[in-house]
Structure formats: C-alpha cells, structure tokens
Amino acid sequence: MEGKSYEEISRQLKISENSIGPLLTRAREKLRRAGVVAK
C-alpha cells in the first residue's frame, strides 16, 4: 500500500479509514519483530 492515502487504502480493503493507522502500526511491528524491517 506504499504511496497510498489512508482513504485509498480504506476503499481498497473495504474497512474504516480510522482503522488504517492502527492496522499499519501493528503490521509494521510484526515485520520489525520478524526482522524484515529496521527499527
């Protein structure tokens, strides 16, 4: 979803725009724990 606005992501995933921030935060944390992305 790189380069997309929260509005665009919410439309694509059919979820609330307010849910995008926490969803992305949790996803980034999981990737960090897996060693996929730097801190």
PDB file of N, CA and C in Angstrom:
ATOM      1  N   MET A   1       0.819  -1.191   0.000  1.00  0.00           N
ATOM      2  CA  MET A   1       0.000   0.000   0.000  1.00  0.00           C
ATOM      3  C   MET A   1       0.863   1.256   0.000  1.00  0.00           C
ATOM      4  N   GLU A   2       2.098   1.078  -0.346  1.00  0.00           N
ATOM      5  CA  GLU A   2       3.048   2.187  -0.341  1.00  0.00           C
ATOM      6  C   GLU A   2       2.587   3.319  -1.245  1.00  0.00           C
ATOM      7  N   GLY A   3       2.663   4.533  -0.714  1.00  0.00           N
ATOM      8  CA  GLY A   3       2.319   5.705  -1.501  1.00  0.00           C
ATOM      9  C   GLY A   3       0.834   6.018  -1.566  1.00  0.00           C
ATOM     10  N   LYS A   4       0.003   5.223  -0.933  1.00  0.00           N
ATOM     11  CA  LYS A   4      -1.443   5.459  -0.966  1.00  0.00           C
ATOM     12  C   LYS A   4      -1.887   6.193   0.297  1.00  0.00           C
ATOM     13  N   SER A   5      -2.954   6.963   0.167  1.00  0.00           N
ATOM     14  CA  SER A   5      -3.516   7.654   1.328  1.00  0.00           C
ATOM     15  C   SER A   5      -4.354   6.667   2.145  1.00  0.00           C
ATOM     16  N   TYR A   6      -4.624   7.046   3.396  1.00  0.00           N
ATOM     17  CA  TYR A   6      -5.480   6.205   4.241  1.00  0.00           C
ATOM     18  C   TYR A   6      -6.845   6.016   3.576  1.00  0.00           C
ATOM     19  N   GLU A   7      -7.336   7.055   2.920  1.00  0.00           N
ATOM     20  CA  GLU A   7      -8.635   6.975   2.239  1.00  0.00           C
ATOM     21  C   GLU A   7      -8.600   5.922   1.128  1.00  0.00           C
ATOM     22  N   GLU A   8      -7.539   5.929   0.319  1.00  0.00           N
ATOM     23  CA  GLU A   8      -7.413   4.954  -0.771  1.00  0.00           C
ATOM     24  C   GLU A   8      -7.310   3.527  -0.225  1.00  0.00           C
ATOM     25  N   ILE A   9      -6.526   3.365   0.829  1.00  0.00           N
ATOM     26  CA  ILE A   9      -6.365   2.037   1.435  1.00  0.00           C
ATOM     27  C   ILE A   9      -7.700   1.553   1.985  1.00  0.00           C
ATOM     28  N   SER A  10      -8.425   2.435   2.678  1.00  0.00           N
ATOM     29  CA  SER A  10      -9.702   2.032   3.271  1.00  0.00           C
ATOM     30  C   SER A  10     -10.706   1.607   2.204  1.00  0.00           C
ATOM     31  N   ARG A  11     -10.690   2.292   1.064  1.00  0.00           N
ATOM     32  CA  ARG A  11     -11.595   1.896  -0.026  1.00  0.00           C
ATOM     33  C   ARG A  11     -11.212   0.536  -0.589  1.00  0.00           C
ATOM     34  N   GLN A  12      -9.910   0.310  -0.783  1.00  0.00           N
ATOM     35  CA  GLN A  12      -9.456  -0.966  -1.348  1.00  0.00           C
ATOM     36  C   GLN A  12      -9.752  -2.135  -0.416  1.00  0.00           C
ATOM     37  N   LEU A  13      -9.525  -1.926   0.890  1.00  0.00           N
ATOM     38  CA  LEU A  13      -9.712  -3.013   1.854  1.00  0.00           C
ATOM     39  C   LEU A  13     -11.138  -3.098   2.386  1.00  0.00           C
ATOM     40  N   LYS A  14     -11.947  -2.075   2.033  1.00  0.00           N
ATOM     41  CA  LYS A  14     -13.341  -2.010   2.491  1.00  0.00           C
ATOM     42  C   LYS A  14     -13.425  -2.030   4.016  1.00  0.00           C
ATOM     43  N   ILE A  15     -12.578  -1.189   4.640  1.00  0.00           N
ATOM     44  CA  ILE A  15     -12.624  -1.007   6.087  1.00  0.00           C
ATOM     45  C   ILE A  15     -12.590   0.489   6.381  1.00  0.00           C
ATOM     46  N   SER A  16     -12.936   0.834   7.612  1.00  0.00           N
ATOM     47  CA  SER A  16     -12.979   2.228   8.032  1.00  0.00           C
ATOM     48  C   SER A  16     -11.621   2.905   7.886  1.00  0.00           C
ATOM     49  N   GLU A  17     -11.652   4.156   7.454  1.00  0.00           N
ATOM     50  CA  GLU A  17     -10.411   4.926   7.319  1.00  0.00           C
ATOM     51  C   GLU A  17      -9.724   5.066   8.679  1.00  0.00           C
ATOM     52  N   ASN A  18     -10.513   5.130   9.759  1.00  0.00           N
ATOM     53  CA  ASN A  18      -9.960   5.245  11.111  1.00  0.00           C
ATOM     54  C   ASN A  18      -9.239   3.976  11.553  1.00  0.00           C
ATOM     55  N   SER A  19      -9.481   2.862  10.896  1.00  0.00           N
ATOM     56  CA  SER A  19      -8.837   1.594  11.252  1.00  0.00           C
ATOM     57  C   SER A  19      -7.464   1.434  10.611  1.00  0.00           C
ATOM     58  N   ILE A  20      -7.159   2.238   9.622  1.00  0.00           N
ATOM     59  CA  ILE A  20      -5.927   2.065   8.849  1.00  0.00           C
ATOM     60  C   ILE A  20      -4.678   2.310   9.690  1.00  0.00           C
ATOM     61  N   GLY A  21      -4.642   3.405  10.452  1.00  0.00           N
ATOM     62  CA  GLY A  21      -3.467   3.734  11.264  1.00  0.00           C
ATOM     63  C   GLY A  21      -3.065   2.603  12.201  1.00  0.00           C
ATOM     64  N   PRO A  22      -3.985   2.151  13.065  1.00  0.00           N
ATOM     65  CA  PRO A  22      -3.646   1.054  13.974  1.00  0.00           C
ATOM     66  C   PRO A  22      -3.279  -0.238  13.234  1.00  0.00           C
ATOM     67  N   LEU A  23      -3.935  -0.492  12.133  1.00  0.00           N
ATOM     68  CA  LEU A  23      -3.638  -1.688  11.345  1.00  0.00           C
ATOM     69  C   LEU A  23      -2.204  -1.647  10.818  1.00  0.00           C
ATOM     70  N   LEU A  24      -1.807  -0.504  10.276  1.00  0.00           N
ATOM     71  CA  LEU A  24      -0.449  -0.356   9.753  1.00  0.00           C
ATOM     72  C   LEU A  24       0.590  -0.400  10.870  1.00  0.00           C
ATOM     73  N   THR A  25       0.264   0.181  12.016  1.00  0.00           N
ATOM     74  CA  THR A  25       1.183   0.147  13.159  1.00  0.00           C
ATOM     75  C   THR A  25       1.438  -1.286  13.594  1.00  0.00           C
ATOM     76  N   ARG A  26       0.372  -2.076  13.708  1.00  0.00           N
ATOM     77  CA  ARG A  26       0.530  -3.491  14.106  1.00  0.00           C
ATOM     78  C   ARG A  26       1.314  -4.266  13.059  1.00  0.00           C
ATOM     79  N   ALA A  27       1.049  -3.992  11.787  1.00  0.00           N
ATOM     80  CA  ALA A  27       1.758  -4.699  10.710  1.00  0.00           C
ATOM     81  C   ALA A  27       3.245  -4.369  10.729  1.00  0.00           C
ATOM     82  N   ARG A  28       3.578  -3.080  10.912  1.00  0.00           N
ATOM     83  CA  ARG A  28       4.995  -2.685  10.978  1.00  0.00           C
ATOM     84  C   ARG A  28       5.689  -3.337  12.160  1.00  0.00           C
ATOM     85  N   GLU A  29       5.011  -3.400  13.307  1.00  0.00           N
ATOM     86  CA  GLU A  29       5.598  -4.027  14.495  1.00  0.00           C
ATOM     87  C   GLU A  29       5.856  -5.517  14.255  1.00  0.00           C
ATOM     88  N   LYS A  30       4.929  -6.201  13.619  1.00  0.00           N
ATOM     89  CA  LYS A  30       5.126  -7.626  13.301  1.00  0.00           C
ATOM     90  C   LYS A  30       6.315  -7.812  12.366  1.00  0.00           C
ATOM     91  N   LEU A  31       6.450  -6.931  11.380  1.00  0.00           N
ATOM     92  CA  LEU A  31       7.584  -7.011  10.455  1.00  0.00           C
ATOM     93  C   LEU A  31       8.899  -6.741  11.178  1.00  0.00           C
ATOM     94  N   ARG A  32       8.890  -5.773  12.114  1.00  0.00           N
ATOM     95  CA  ARG A  32      10.097  -5.483  12.897  1.00  0.00           C
ATOM     96  C   ARG A  32      10.508  -6.699  13.710  1.00  0.00           C
ATOM     97  N   ARG A  33       9.527  -7.312  14.389  1.00  0.00           N
ATOM     98  CA  ARG A  33       9.820  -8.491  15.219  1.00  0.00           C
ATOM     99  C   ARG A  33      10.340  -9.645  14.381  1.00  0.00           C
ATOM    100  N   ALA A  34       9.883  -9.733  13.147  1.00  0.00           N
ATOM    101  CA  ALA A  34      10.327 -10.808  12.253  1.00  0.00           C
ATOM    102  C   ALA A  34      11.676 -10.482  11.614  1.00  0.00           C
ATOM    103  N   GLY A  35      12.178  -9.274  11.854  1.00  0.00           N
ATOM    104  CA  GLY A  35      13.468  -8.883  11.300  1.00  0.00           C
ATOM    105  C   GLY A  35      13.422  -8.469   9.844  1.00  0.00           C
ATOM    106  N   VAL A  36      12.234  -8.186   9.355  1.00  0.00           N
ATOM    107  CA  VAL A  36      12.072  -7.826   7.944  1.00  0.00           C
ATOM    108  C   VAL A  36      12.379  -6.353   7.701  1.00  0.00           C
ATOM    109  N   VAL A  37      12.047  -5.495   8.669  1.00  0.00           N
ATOM    110  CA  VAL A  37      12.317  -4.063   8.525  1.00  0.00           C
ATOM    111  C   VAL A  37      13.129  -3.562   9.710  1.00  0.00           C
ATOM    112  N   ALA A  38      13.902  -2.518   9.480  1.00  0.00           N
ATOM    113  CA  ALA A  38      14.721  -1.925  10.539  1.00  0.00           C
ATOM    114  C   ALA A  38      13.854  -1.100  11.481  1.00  0.00           C
ATOM    115  N   LYS A  39      14.364  -0.881  12.685  1.00  0.00           N
ATOM    116  CA  LYS A  39      13.628  -0.086  13.680  1.00  0.00           C
ATOM    117  C   LYS A  39      13.664   1.372  13.356  1.00  0.00           C
TER     118      LYS A  39
END
